[in-house]
Amino acid sequence: MAKDAEKTMDLLQGTLDMLVLKAVSLGPLHGYGVLLRIRQISQDRLEIQQGSLYPALYRLEHEGWIAGEWGQSDNKRRARFYHLTAAGRRRLEAEAKKWNQFADVVGTILSTVPEGTAASR
């Protein structure tokens, strides 16, 4: 496995929107800032590709879960800054709840041991 592949994990399908909503919930961000925020809070274990991020931002804005407005980035470039809407906050809460339930079920399945082993007695 390549060194970079060891450092990052692939996103499970359907999680990108939730991660973007979470990143934006922490404060307004422009697109590249969303990439950096996700990388930072994942401790460099997740790296979102720009080719995946920008369609997600457009989709989330179209759904009304984030809103964007034009501003100026730190490097003085024009950039669209996104913030979470009330509908986006509700969506994030619902998706996080479903994700945590899913992770709990998968954890239960993975911790199951064969009958008759010492761990199951």
PDB file of N, CA and C in Angstrom:
ATOM      1  N   MET A   1       0.842  -1.171   0.000  1.00  0.00           N
ATOM      2  CA  MET A   1       0.000   0.000   0.000  1.00  0.00           C
ATOM      3  C   MET A   1       0.890   1.238   0.000  1.00  0.00           C
ATOM      4  N   ALA A   2       0.539   2.234  -0.766  1.00  0.00           N
ATOM      5  CA  ALA A   2       1.322   3.461  -0.842  1.00  0.00           C
ATOM      6  C   ALA A   2       1.251   4.205   0.484  1.00  0.00           C
ATOM      7  N   LYS A   3       2.302   4.955   0.776  1.00  0.00           N
ATOM      8  CA  LYS A   3       2.353   5.677   2.046  1.00  0.00           C
ATOM      9  C   LYS A   3       1.163   6.622   2.209  1.00  0.00           C
ATOM     10  N   ASP A   4       0.798   7.374   1.147  1.00  0.00           N
ATOM     11  CA  ASP A   4      -0.338   8.279   1.229  1.00  0.00           C
ATOM     12  C   ASP A   4      -1.639   7.522   1.447  1.00  0.00           C
ATOM     13  N   ALA A   5      -1.767   6.371   0.848  1.00  0.00           N
ATOM     14  CA  ALA A   5      -2.981   5.571   1.012  1.00  0.00           C
ATOM     15  C   ALA A   5      -3.104   5.070   2.444  1.00  0.00           C
ATOM     16  N   GLU A   6      -2.000   4.811   3.109  1.00  0.00           N
ATOM     17  CA  GLU A   6      -2.028   4.386   4.499  1.00  0.00           C
ATOM     18  C   GLU A   6      -2.456   5.523   5.412  1.00  0.00           C
ATOM     19  N   LYS A   7      -2.099   6.737   5.039  1.00  0.00           N
ATOM     20  CA  LYS A   7      -2.360   7.906   5.861  1.00  0.00           C
ATOM     21  C   LYS A   7      -3.823   8.344   5.807  1.00  0.00           C
ATOM     22  N   THR A   8      -4.487   8.122   4.701  1.00  0.00           N
ATOM     23  CA  THR A   8      -5.860   8.573   4.558  1.00  0.00           C
ATOM     24  C   THR A   8      -6.793   7.392   4.372  1.00  0.00           C
ATOM     25  N   MET A   9      -8.051   7.609   4.703  1.00  0.00           N
ATOM     26  CA  MET A   9      -9.065   6.576   4.550  1.00  0.00           C
ATOM     27  C   MET A   9     -10.026   7.007   3.459  1.00  0.00           C
ATOM     28  N   ASP A  10     -10.552   6.060   2.727  1.00  0.00           N
ATOM     29  CA  ASP A  10     -11.558   6.376   1.726  1.00  0.00           C
ATOM     30  C   ASP A  10     -12.876   6.706   2.419  1.00  0.00           C
ATOM     31  N   LEU A  11     -13.599   7.637   1.850  1.00  0.00           N
ATOM     32  CA  LEU A  11     -14.917   7.973   2.388  1.00  0.00           C
ATOM     33  C   LEU A  11     -15.927   6.924   1.982  1.00  0.00           C
ATOM     34  N   LEU A  12     -16.751   6.530   2.907  1.00  0.00           N
ATOM     35  CA  LEU A  12     -17.866   5.668   2.554  1.00  0.00           C
ATOM     36  C   LEU A  12     -18.884   6.513   1.809  1.00  0.00           C
ATOM     37  N   GLN A  13     -19.509   5.903   0.852  1.00  0.00           N
ATOM     38  CA  GLN A  13     -20.494   6.618   0.057  1.00  0.00           C
ATOM     39  C   GLN A  13     -21.550   7.246   0.961  1.00  0.00           C
ATOM     40  N   GLY A  14     -21.901   8.494   0.688  1.00  0.00           N
ATOM     41  CA  GLY A  14     -22.936   9.170   1.455  1.00  0.00           C
ATOM     42  C   GLY A  14     -22.446   9.964   2.642  1.00  0.00           C
ATOM     43  N   THR A  15     -21.164   9.918   2.964  1.00  0.00           N
ATOM     44  CA  THR A  15     -20.675  10.633   4.136  1.00  0.00           C
ATOM     45  C   THR A  15     -20.135  12.020   3.815  1.00  0.00           C
ATOM     46  N   LEU A  16     -19.832  12.291   2.551  1.00  0.00           N
ATOM     47  CA  LEU A  16     -19.244  13.578   2.198  1.00  0.00           C
ATOM     48  C   LEU A  16     -20.154  14.736   2.589  1.00  0.00           C
ATOM     49  N   ASP A  17     -21.438  14.638   2.282  1.00  0.00           N
ATOM     50  CA  ASP A  17     -22.356  15.724   2.628  1.00  0.00           C
ATOM     51  C   ASP A  17     -22.342  15.987   4.130  1.00  0.00           C
ATOM     52  N   MET A  18     -22.388  14.926   4.928  1.00  0.00           N
ATOM     53  CA  MET A  18     -22.387  15.081   6.378  1.00  0.00           C
ATOM     54  C   MET A  18     -21.094  15.753   6.850  1.00  0.00           C
ATOM     55  N   LEU A  19     -19.960  15.369   6.290  1.00  0.00           N
ATOM     56  CA  LEU A  19     -18.692  15.957   6.689  1.00  0.00           C
ATOM     57  C   LEU A  19     -18.601  17.428   6.307  1.00  0.00           C
ATOM     58  N   VAL A  20     -19.116  17.758   5.139  1.00  0.00           N
ATOM     59  CA  VAL A  20     -19.132  19.163   4.714  1.00  0.00           C
ATOM     60  C   VAL A  20     -20.043  19.965   5.632  1.00  0.00           C
ATOM     61  N   LEU A  21     -21.218  19.448   5.944  1.00  0.00           N
ATOM     62  CA  LEU A  21     -22.121  20.141   6.859  1.00  0.00           C
ATOM     63  C   LEU A  21     -21.458  20.357   8.215  1.00  0.00           C
ATOM     64  N   LYS A  22     -20.765  19.353   8.707  1.00  0.00           N
ATOM     65  CA  LYS A  22     -20.077  19.491   9.995  1.00  0.00           C
ATOM     66  C   LYS A  22     -18.993  20.553   9.924  1.00  0.00           C
ATOM     67  N   ALA A  23     -18.186  20.532   8.879  1.00  0.00           N
ATOM     68  CA  ALA A  23     -17.107  21.512   8.737  1.00  0.00           C
ATOM     69  C   ALA A  23     -17.672  22.926   8.706  1.00  0.00           C
ATOM     70  N   VAL A  24     -18.726  23.137   7.944  1.00  0.00           N
ATOM     71  CA  VAL A  24     -19.320  24.467   7.800  1.00  0.00           C
ATOM     72  C   VAL A  24     -20.041  24.879   9.092  1.00  0.00           C
ATOM     73  N   SER A  25     -20.514  23.894   9.864  1.00  0.00           N
ATOM     74  CA  SER A  25     -21.195  24.219  11.126  1.00  0.00           C
ATOM     75  C   SER A  25     -20.239  24.859  12.135  1.00  0.00           C
ATOM     76  N   LEU A  26     -18.950  24.672  11.947  1.00  0.00           N
ATOM     77  CA  LEU A  26     -17.951  25.216  12.869  1.00  0.00           C
ATOM     78  C   LEU A  26     -17.600  26.663  12.553  1.00  0.00           C
ATOM     79  N   GLY A  27     -18.114  27.175  11.444  1.00  0.00           N
ATOM     80  CA  GLY A  27     -17.870  28.554  11.049  1.00  0.00           C
ATOM     81  C   GLY A  27     -17.848  28.664   9.542  1.00  0.00           C
ATOM     82  N   PRO A  28     -18.161  29.864   9.006  1.00  0.00           N
ATOM     83  CA  PRO A  28     -18.195  30.050   7.553  1.00  0.00           C
ATOM     84  C   PRO A  28     -16.847  29.712   6.911  1.00  0.00           C
ATOM     85  N   LEU A  29     -16.910  29.052   5.764  1.00  0.00           N
ATOM     86  CA  LEU A  29     -15.711  28.625   5.053  1.00  0.00           C
ATOM     87  C   LEU A  29     -15.908  28.746   3.559  1.00  0.00           C
ATOM     88  N   HIS A  30     -14.827  29.021   2.853  1.00  0.00           N
ATOM     89  CA  HIS A  30     -14.858  28.903   1.398  1.00  0.00           C
ATOM     90  C   HIS A  30     -14.507  27.463   1.057  1.00  0.00           C
ATOM     91  N   GLY A  31     -14.671  27.086  -0.195  1.00  0.00           N
ATOM     92  CA  GLY A  31     -14.504  25.692  -0.602  1.00  0.00           C
ATOM     93  C   GLY A  31     -13.200  25.069  -0.158  1.00  0.00           C
ATOM     94  N   TYR A  32     -12.087  25.739  -0.465  1.00  0.00           N
ATOM     95  CA  TYR A  32     -10.797  25.160  -0.078  1.00  0.00           C
ATOM     96  C   TYR A  32     -10.674  25.083   1.445  1.00  0.00           C
ATOM     97  N   GLY A  33     -11.284  26.044   2.138  1.00  0.00           N
ATOM     98  CA  GLY A  33     -11.291  26.015   3.602  1.00  0.00           C
ATOM     99  C   GLY A  33     -12.010  24.793   4.149  1.00  0.00           C
ATOM    100  N   VAL A  34     -13.066  24.343   3.443  1.00  0.00           N
ATOM    101  CA  VAL A  34     -13.776  23.127   3.848  1.00  0.00           C
ATOM    102  C   VAL A  34     -12.820  21.935   3.767  1.00  0.00           C
ATOM    103  N   LEU A  35     -12.068  21.858   2.673  1.00  0.00           N
ATOM    104  CA  LEU A  35     -11.083  20.769   2.524  1.00  0.00           C
ATOM    105  C   LEU A  35     -10.093  20.776   3.683  1.00  0.00           C
ATOM    106  N   LEU A  36      -9.575  21.958   3.984  1.00  0.00           N
ATOM    107  CA  LEU A  36      -8.580  22.075   5.052  1.00  0.00           C
ATOM    108  C   LEU A  36      -9.176  21.743   6.420  1.00  0.00           C
ATOM    109  N   ARG A  37     -10.408  22.197   6.670  1.00  0.00           N
ATOM    110  CA  ARG A  37     -11.054  21.940   7.966  1.00  0.00           C
ATOM    111  C   ARG A  37     -11.271  20.441   8.168  1.00  0.00           C
ATOM    112  N   ILE A  38     -11.749  19.759   7.128  1.00  0.00           N
ATOM    113  CA  ILE A  38     -11.968  18.313   7.254  1.00  0.00           C
ATOM    114  C   ILE A  38     -10.643  17.600   7.491  1.00  0.00           C
ATOM    115  N   ARG A  39      -9.626  17.992   6.767  1.00  0.00           N
ATOM    116  CA  ARG A  39      -8.302  17.391   6.965  1.00  0.00           C
ATOM    117  C   ARG A  39      -7.814  17.638   8.396  1.00  0.00           C
ATOM    118  N   GLN A  40      -8.005  18.855   8.889  1.00  0.00           N
ATOM    119  CA  GLN A  40      -7.550  19.208  10.229  1.00  0.00           C
ATOM    120  C   GLN A  40      -8.293  18.415  11.301  1.00  0.00           C
ATOM    121  N   ILE A  41      -9.619  18.414  11.253  1.00  0.00           N
ATOM    122  CA  ILE A  41     -10.356  17.751  12.329  1.00  0.00           C
ATOM    123  C   ILE A  41     -10.273  16.228  12.240  1.00  0.00           C
ATOM    124  N   SER A  42      -9.880  15.717  11.071  1.00  0.00           N
ATOM    125  CA  SER A  42      -9.667  14.268  10.950  1.00  0.00           C
ATOM    126  C   SER A  42      -8.219  13.900  11.285  1.00  0.00           C
ATOM    127  N   GLN A  43      -7.447  14.885  11.709  1.00  0.00           N
ATOM    128  CA  GLN A  43      -6.026  14.688  12.022  1.00  0.00           C
ATOM    129  C   GLN A  43      -5.284  14.100  10.832  1.00  0.00           C
ATOM    130  N   ASP A  44      -5.542  14.671   9.660  1.00  0.00           N
ATOM    131  CA  ASP A  44      -4.900  14.290   8.396  1.00  0.00           C
ATOM    132  C   ASP A  44      -5.218  12.872   7.935  1.00  0.00           C
ATOM    133  N   ARG A  45      -6.314  12.289   8.436  1.00  0.00           N
ATOM    134  CA  ARG A  45      -6.679  10.940   8.006  1.00  0.00           C
ATOM    135  C   ARG A  45      -7.676  10.929   6.873  1.00  0.00           C
ATOM    136  N   LEU A  46      -8.341  12.073   6.625  1.00  0.00           N
ATOM    137  CA  LEU A  46      -9.264  12.191   5.495  1.00  0.00           C
ATOM    138  C   LEU A  46      -8.829  13.364   4.642  1.00  0.00           C
ATOM    139  N   GLU A  47      -8.796  13.110   3.363  1.00  0.00           N
ATOM    140  CA  GLU A  47      -8.476  14.178   2.429  1.00  0.00           C
ATOM    141  C   GLU A  47      -9.518  14.143   1.319  1.00  0.00           C
ATOM    142  N   ILE A  48     -10.301  15.191   1.247  1.00  0.00           N
ATOM    143  CA  ILE A  48     -11.361  15.282   0.251  1.00  0.00           C
ATOM    144  C   ILE A  48     -10.777  15.868  -1.023  1.00  0.00           C
ATOM    145  N   GLN A  49     -11.108  15.294  -2.141  1.00  0.00           N
ATOM    146  CA  GLN A  49     -10.642  15.794  -3.426  1.00  0.00           C
ATOM    147  C   GLN A  49     -11.552  16.938  -3.888  1.00  0.00           C
ATOM    148  N   GLN A  50     -10.950  17.964  -4.500  1.00  0.00           N
ATOM    149  CA  GLN A  50     -11.723  19.104  -4.974  1.00  0.00           C
ATOM    150  C   GLN A  50     -12.805  18.679  -5.959  1.00  0.00           C
ATOM    151  N   GLY A  51     -12.514  17.679  -6.768  1.00  0.00           N
ATOM    152  CA  GLY A  51     -13.480  17.193  -7.749  1.00  0.00           C
ATOM    153  C   GLY A  51     -14.718  16.594  -7.117  1.00  0.00           C
ATOM    154  N   SER A  52     -14.627  16.176  -5.861  1.00  0.00           N
ATOM    155  CA  SER A  52     -15.788  15.670  -5.122  1.00  0.00           C
ATOM    156  C   SER A  52     -16.450  16.776  -4.307  1.00  0.00           C
ATOM    157  N   LEU A  53     -15.626  17.682  -3.785  1.00  0.00           N
ATOM    158  CA  LEU A  53     -16.140  18.705  -2.885  1.00  0.00           C
ATOM    159  C   LEU A  53     -17.068  19.697  -3.571  1.00  0.00           C
ATOM    160  N   TYR A  54     -16.647  20.260  -4.688  1.00  0.00           N
ATOM    161  CA  TYR A  54     -17.424  21.343  -5.284  1.00  0.00           C
ATOM    162  C   TYR A  54     -18.813  20.903  -5.737  1.00  0.00           C
ATOM    163  N   PRO A  55     -18.975  19.721  -6.332  1.00  0.00           N
ATOM    164  CA  PRO A  55     -20.348  19.265  -6.616  1.00  0.00           C
ATOM    165  C   PRO A  55     -21.178  19.102  -5.326  1.00  0.00           C
ATOM    166  N   ALA A  56     -20.526  18.666  -4.239  1.00  0.00           N
ATOM    167  CA  ALA A  56     -21.243  18.525  -2.959  1.00  0.00           C
ATOM    168  C   ALA A  56     -21.683  19.888  -2.444  1.00  0.00           C
ATOM    169  N   LEU A  57     -20.819  20.892  -2.538  1.00  0.00           N
ATOM    170  CA  LEU A  57     -21.195  22.234  -2.092  1.00  0.00           C
ATOM    171  C   LEU A  57     -22.390  22.753  -2.889  1.00  0.00           C
ATOM    172  N   TYR A  58     -22.363  22.593  -4.204  1.00  0.00           N
ATOM    173  CA  TYR A  58     -23.481  23.032  -5.043  1.00  0.00           C
ATOM    174  C   TYR A  58     -24.760  22.288  -4.665  1.00  0.00           C
ATOM    175  N   ARG A  59     -24.651  20.992  -4.446  1.00  0.00           N
ATOM    176  CA  ARG A  59     -25.813  20.166  -4.104  1.00  0.00           C
ATOM    177  C   ARG A  59     -26.390  20.606  -2.748  1.00  0.00           C
ATOM    178  N   LEU A  60     -25.525  20.811  -1.765  1.00  0.00           N
ATOM    179  CA  LEU A  60     -25.979  21.214  -0.436  1.00  0.00           C
ATOM    180  C   LEU A  60     -26.626  22.600  -0.467  1.00  0.00           C
ATOM    181  N   GLU A  61     -26.063  23.484  -1.280  1.00  0.00           N
ATOM    182  CA  GLU A  61     -26.655  24.817  -1.401  1.00  0.00           C
ATOM    183  C   GLU A  61     -28.017  24.721  -2.099  1.00  0.00           C
ATOM    184  N   HIS A  62     -28.106  23.912  -3.124  1.00  0.00           N
ATOM    185  CA  HIS A  62     -29.369  23.718  -3.846  1.00  0.00           C
ATOM    186  C   HIS A  62     -30.452  23.155  -2.916  1.00  0.00           C
ATOM    187  N   GLU A  63     -30.061  22.267  -2.006  1.00  0.00           N
ATOM    188  CA  GLU A  63     -31.008  21.669  -1.058  1.00  0.00           C
ATOM    189  C   GLU A  63     -31.405  22.650   0.052  1.00  0.00           C
ATOM    190  N   GLY A  64     -30.668  23.763   0.180  1.00  0.00           N
ATOM    191  CA  GLY A  64     -30.972  24.745   1.215  1.00  0.00           C
ATOM    192  C   GLY A  64     -30.313  24.445   2.552  1.00  0.00           C
ATOM    193  N   TRP A  65     -29.349  23.524   2.563  1.00  0.00           N
ATOM    194  CA  TRP A  65     -28.687  23.149   3.812  1.00  0.00           C
ATOM    195  C   TRP A  65     -27.489  24.038   4.130  1.00  0.00           C
ATOM    196  N   ILE A  66     -26.934  24.666   3.114  1.00  0.00           N
ATOM    197  CA  ILE A  66     -25.909  25.680   3.305  1.00  0.00           C
ATOM    198  C   ILE A  66     -26.294  26.871   2.426  1.00  0.00           C
ATOM    199  N   ALA A  67     -25.765  28.026   2.790  1.00  0.00           N
ATOM    200  CA  ALA A  67     -25.960  29.225   1.971  1.00  0.00           C
ATOM    201  C   ALA A  67     -24.589  29.833   1.744  1.00  0.00           C
ATOM    202  N   GLY A  68     -24.413  30.386   0.565  1.00  0.00           N
ATOM    203  CA  GLY A  68     -23.121  30.963   0.233  1.00  0.00           C
ATOM    204  C   GLY A  68     -23.245  32.424  -0.144  1.00  0.00           C
ATOM    205  N   GLU A  69     -22.180  33.152   0.141  1.00  0.00           N
ATOM    206  CA  GLU A  69     -22.109  34.541  -0.308  1.00  0.00           C
ATOM    207  C   GLU A  69     -20.668  34.844  -0.670  1.00  0.00           C
ATOM    208  N   TRP A  70     -20.529  35.759  -1.609  1.00  0.00           N
ATOM    209  CA  TRP A  70     -19.199  36.091  -2.105  1.00  0.00           C
ATOM    210  C   TRP A  70     -18.476  36.988  -1.115  1.00  0.00           C
ATOM    211  N   GLY A  71     -17.189  36.729  -0.959  1.00  0.00           N
ATOM    212  CA  GLY A  71     -16.335  37.518  -0.081  1.00  0.00           C
ATOM    213  C   GLY A  71     -14.900  37.425  -0.549  1.00  0.00           C
ATOM    214  N   GLN A  72     -13.999  37.848   0.298  1.00  0.00           N
ATOM    215  CA  GLN A  72     -12.582  37.834  -0.050  1.00  0.00           C
ATOM    216  C   GLN A  72     -11.839  36.891   0.891  1.00  0.00           C
ATOM    217  N   SER A  73     -11.045  36.007   0.316  1.00  0.00           N
ATOM    218  CA  SER A  73     -10.287  35.047   1.104  1.00  0.00           C
ATOM    219  C   SER A  73      -9.064  35.724   1.730  1.00  0.00           C
ATOM    220  N   ASP A  74      -8.352  34.984   2.559  1.00  0.00           N
ATOM    221  CA  ASP A  74      -7.151  35.504   3.218  1.00  0.00           C
ATOM    222  C   ASP A  74      -6.105  35.968   2.216  1.00  0.00           C
ATOM    223  N   ASN A  75      -6.062  35.319   1.055  1.00  0.00           N
ATOM    224  CA  ASN A  75      -5.068  35.702   0.043  1.00  0.00           C
ATOM    225  C   ASN A  75      -5.630  36.727  -0.947  1.00  0.00           C
ATOM    226  N   LYS A  76      -6.701  37.420  -0.522  1.00  0.00           N
ATOM    227  CA  LYS A  76      -7.296  38.540  -1.273  1.00  0.00           C
ATOM    228  C   LYS A  76      -7.962  38.127  -2.583  1.00  0.00           C
ATOM    229  N   ARG A  77      -8.336  36.865  -2.688  1.00  0.00           N
ATOM    230  CA  ARG A  77      -9.059  36.393  -3.871  1.00  0.00           C
ATOM    231  C   ARG A  77     -10.544  36.335  -3.570  1.00  0.00           C
ATOM    232  N   ARG A  78     -11.324  36.517  -4.614  1.00  0.00           N
ATOM    233  CA  ARG A  78     -12.769  36.408  -4.489  1.00  0.00           C
ATOM    234  C   ARG A  78     -13.119  34.939  -4.250  1.00  0.00           C
ATOM    235  N   ALA A  79     -13.945  34.677  -3.247  1.00  0.00           N
ATOM    236  CA  ALA A  79     -14.298  33.304  -2.901  1.00  0.00           C
ATOM    237  C   ALA A  79     -15.730  33.276  -2.376  1.00  0.00           C
ATOM    238  N   ARG A  80     -16.373  32.145  -2.552  1.00  0.00           N
ATOM    239  CA  ARG A  80     -17.731  31.957  -2.032  1.00  0.00           C
ATOM    240  C   ARG A  80     -17.614  31.315  -0.652  1.00  0.00           C
ATOM    241  N   PHE A  81     -18.153  31.985   0.356  1.00  0.00           N
ATOM    242  CA  PHE A  81     -18.123  31.496   1.731  1.00  0.00           C
ATOM    243  C   PHE A  81     -19.473  30.882   2.071  1.00  0.00           C
ATOM    244  N   TYR A  82     -19.429  29.696   2.664  1.00  0.00           N
ATOM    245  CA  TYR A  82     -20.638  28.943   2.976  1.00  0.00           C
ATOM    246  C   TYR A  82     -20.869  28.904   4.480  1.00  0.00           C
ATOM    247  N   HIS A  83     -22.136  28.980   4.862  1.00  0.00           N
ATOM    248  CA  HIS A  83     -22.511  28.805   6.263  1.00  0.00           C
ATOM    249  C   HIS A  83     -23.726  27.874   6.330  1.00  0.00           C
ATOM    250  N   LEU A  84     -23.896  27.273   7.466  1.00  0.00           N
ATOM    251  CA  LEU A  84     -24.973  26.316   7.678  1.00  0.00           C
ATOM    252  C   LEU A  84     -26.292  27.058   7.888  1.00  0.00           C
ATOM    253  N   THR A  85     -27.345  26.579   7.274  1.00  0.00           N
ATOM    254  CA  THR A  85     -28.685  27.126   7.490  1.00  0.00           C
ATOM    255  C   THR A  85     -29.360  26.334   8.612  1.00  0.00           C
ATOM    256  N   ALA A  86     -30.513  26.806   9.054  1.00  0.00           N
ATOM    257  CA  ALA A  86     -31.278  26.074  10.069  1.00  0.00           C
ATOM    258  C   ALA A  86     -31.643  24.685   9.547  1.00  0.00           C
ATOM    259  N   ALA A  87     -32.039  24.608   8.283  1.00  0.00           N
ATOM    260  CA  ALA A  87     -32.366  23.302   7.686  1.00  0.00           C
ATOM    261  C   ALA A  87     -31.117  22.417   7.638  1.00  0.00           C
ATOM    262  N   GLY A  88     -29.965  23.021   7.372  1.00  0.00           N
ATOM    263  CA  GLY A  88     -28.712  22.268   7.348  1.00  0.00           C
ATOM    264  C   GLY A  88     -28.339  21.734   8.716  1.00  0.00           C
ATOM    265  N   ARG A  89     -28.613  22.521   9.750  1.00  0.00           N
ATOM    266  CA  ARG A  89     -28.327  22.067  11.121  1.00  0.00           C
ATOM    267  C   ARG A  89     -29.196  20.861  11.461  1.00  0.00           C
ATOM    268  N   ARG A  90     -30.470  20.926  11.072  1.00  0.00           N
ATOM    269  CA  ARG A  90     -31.364  19.771  11.315  1.00  0.00           C
ATOM    270  C   ARG A  90     -30.895  18.548  10.533  1.00  0.00           C
ATOM    271  N   ARG A  91     -30.479  18.769   9.289  1.00  0.00           N
ATOM    272  CA  ARG A  91     -29.998  17.666   8.446  1.00  0.00           C
ATOM    273  C   ARG A  91     -28.740  17.053   9.049  1.00  0.00           C
ATOM    274  N   LEU A  92     -27.813  17.891   9.501  1.00  0.00           N
ATOM    275  CA  LEU A  92     -26.583  17.396  10.117  1.00  0.00           C
ATOM    276  C   LEU A  92     -26.891  16.560  11.351  1.00  0.00           C
ATOM    277  N   GLU A  93     -27.785  17.042  12.196  1.00  0.00           N
ATOM    278  CA  GLU A  93     -28.148  16.285  13.403  1.00  0.00           C
ATOM    279  C   GLU A  93     -28.741  14.927  13.045  1.00  0.00           C
ATOM    280  N   ALA A  94     -29.627  14.900  12.047  1.00  0.00           N
ATOM    281  CA  ALA A  94     -30.259  13.643  11.632  1.00  0.00           C
ATOM    282  C   ALA A  94     -29.235  12.681  11.035  1.00  0.00           C
ATOM    283  N   GLU A  95     -28.358  13.198  10.175  1.00  0.00           N
ATOM    284  CA  GLU A  95     -27.350  12.346   9.541  1.00  0.00           C
ATOM    285  C   GLU A  95     -26.338  11.827  10.566  1.00  0.00           C
ATOM    286  N   ALA A  96     -25.946  12.666  11.506  1.00  0.00           N
ATOM    287  CA  ALA A  96     -24.995  12.239  12.540  1.00  0.00           C
ATOM    288  C   ALA A  96     -25.613  11.138  13.403  1.00  0.00           C
ATOM    289  N   LYS A  97     -26.892  11.280  13.715  1.00  0.00           N
ATOM    290  CA  LYS A  97     -27.578  10.252  14.506  1.00  0.00           C
ATOM    291  C   LYS A  97     -27.599   8.920  13.750  1.00  0.00           C
ATOM    292  N   LYS A  98     -27.965   8.979  12.460  1.00  0.00           N
ATOM    293  CA  LYS A  98     -27.986   7.751  11.654  1.00  0.00           C
ATOM    294  C   LYS A  98     -26.592   7.144  11.544  1.00  0.00           C
ATOM    295  N   TRP A  99     -25.582   7.983  11.330  1.00  0.00           N
ATOM    296  CA  TRP A  99     -24.207   7.495  11.206  1.00  0.00           C
ATOM    297  C   TRP A  99     -23.763   6.806  12.495  1.00  0.00           C
ATOM    298  N   ASN A 100     -24.043   7.420  13.642  1.00  0.00           N
ATOM    299  CA  ASN A 100     -23.643   6.833  14.922  1.00  0.00           C
ATOM    300  C   ASN A 100     -24.364   5.510  15.171  1.00  0.00           C
ATOM    301  N   GLN A 101     -25.636   5.424  14.798  1.00  0.00           N
ATOM    302  CA  GLN A 101     -26.361   4.157  14.936  1.00  0.00           C
ATOM    303  C   GLN A 101     -25.758   3.085  14.035  1.00  0.00           C
ATOM    304  N   PHE A 102     -25.426   3.474  12.804  1.00  0.00           N
ATOM    305  CA  PHE A 102     -24.811   2.548  11.859  1.00  0.00           C
ATOM    306  C   PHE A 102     -23.465   2.055  12.388  1.00  0.00           C
ATOM    307  N   ALA A 103     -22.643   2.981  12.892  1.00  0.00           N
ATOM    308  CA  ALA A 103     -21.326   2.614  13.422  1.00  0.00           C
ATOM    309  C   ALA A 103     -21.465   1.675  14.618  1.00  0.00           C
ATOM    310  N   ASP A 104     -22.486   1.899  15.437  1.00  0.00           N
ATOM    311  CA  ASP A 104     -22.722   1.034  16.592  1.00  0.00           C
ATOM    312  C   ASP A 104     -23.075  -0.384  16.137  1.00  0.00           C
ATOM    313  N   VAL A 105     -23.942  -0.490  15.135  1.00  0.00           N
ATOM    314  CA  VAL A 105     -24.329  -1.810  14.620  1.00  0.00           C
ATOM    315  C   VAL A 105     -23.118  -2.521  14.016  1.00  0.00           C
ATOM    316  N   VAL A 106     -22.341  -1.809  13.210  1.00  0.00           N
ATOM    317  CA  VAL A 106     -21.154  -2.417  12.597  1.00  0.00           C
ATOM    318  C   VAL A 106     -20.177  -2.848  13.679  1.00  0.00           C
ATOM    319  N   GLY A 107     -19.985  -2.018  14.711  1.00  0.00           N
ATOM    320  CA  GLY A 107     -19.104  -2.391  15.821  1.00  0.00           C
ATOM    321  C   GLY A 107     -19.567  -3.658  16.517  1.00  0.00           C
ATOM    322  N   THR A 108     -20.871  -3.770  16.712  1.00  0.00           N
ATOM    323  CA  THR A 108     -21.434  -4.981  17.330  1.00  0.00           C
ATOM    324  C   THR A 108     -21.160  -6.200  16.463  1.00  0.00           C
ATOM    325  N   ILE A 109     -21.376  -6.072  15.181  1.00  0.00           N
ATOM    326  CA  ILE A 109     -21.139  -7.190  14.258  1.00  0.00           C
ATOM    327  C   ILE A 109     -19.672  -7.595  14.276  1.00  0.00           C
ATOM    328  N   LEU A 110     -18.777  -6.604  14.197  1.00  0.00           N
ATOM    329  CA  LEU A 110     -17.344  -6.916  14.144  1.00  0.00           C
ATOM    330  C   LEU A 110     -16.809  -7.491  15.443  1.00  0.00           C
ATOM    331  N   SER A 111     -17.455  -7.202  16.565  1.00  0.00           N
ATOM    332  CA  SER A 111     -16.967  -7.731  17.836  1.00  0.00           C
ATOM    333  C   SER A 111     -17.547  -9.098  18.167  1.00  0.00           C
ATOM    334  N   THR A 112     -18.424  -9.609  17.325  1.00  0.00           N
ATOM    335  CA  THR A 112     -19.013 -10.923  17.544  1.00  0.00           C
ATOM    336  C   THR A 112     -17.962 -12.008  17.330  1.00  0.00           C
ATOM    337  N   VAL A 113     -17.916 -12.952  18.251  1.00  0.00           N
ATOM    338  CA  VAL A 113     -16.962 -14.047  18.165  1.00  0.00           C
ATOM    339  C   VAL A 113     -17.719 -15.360  17.955  1.00  0.00           C
ATOM    340  N   PRO A 114     -17.057 -16.358  17.410  1.00  0.00           N
ATOM    341  CA  PRO A 114     -17.726 -17.650  17.209  1.00  0.00           C
ATOM    342  C   PRO A 114     -18.193 -18.257  18.540  1.00  0.00           C
ATOM    343  N   GLU A 115     -19.287 -18.990  18.480  1.00  0.00           N
ATOM    344  CA  GLU A 115     -19.779 -19.670  19.680  1.00  0.00           C
ATOM    345  C   GLU A 115     -18.751 -20.668  20.155  1.00  0.00           C
ATOM    346  N   GLY A 116     -18.668 -20.823  21.444  1.00  0.00           N
ATOM    347  CA  GLY A 116     -17.756 -21.808  22.009  1.00  0.00           C
ATOM    348  C   GLY A 116     -16.352 -21.300  22.250  1.00  0.00           C
ATOM    349  N   THR A 117     -16.063 -20.061  21.891  1.00  0.00           N
ATOM    350  CA  THR A 117     -14.721 -19.527  22.161  1.00  0.00           C
ATOM    351  C   THR A 117     -14.716 -18.936  23.557  1.00  0.00           C
ATOM    352  N   ALA A 118     -13.559 -18.750  24.105  1.00  0.00           N
ATOM    353  CA  ALA A 118     -13.395 -18.229  25.471  1.00  0.00           C
ATOM    354  C   ALA A 118     -14.061 -16.862  25.622  1.00  0.00           C
ATOM    355  N   ALA A 119     -14.016 -16.038  24.596  1.00  0.00           N
ATOM    356  CA  ALA A 119     -14.563 -14.692  24.680  1.00  0.00           C
ATOM    357  C   ALA A 119     -16.074 -14.688  24.796  1.00  0.00           C
ATOM    358  N   SER A 120     -16.729 -15.745  24.316  1.00  0.00           N
ATOM    359  CA  SER A 120     -18.198 -15.748  24.355  1.00  0.00           C
ATOM    360  C   SER A 120     -18.735 -16.437  25.597  1.00  0.00           C
ATOM    361  N   ARG A 121     -17.906 -16.959  26.447  1.00  0.00           N
ATOM    362  CA  ARG A 121     -18.366 -17.672  27.652  1.00  0.00           C
ATOM    363  C   ARG A 121     -18.607 -16.756  28.796  1.00  0.00           C
TER     364      ARG A 121
END
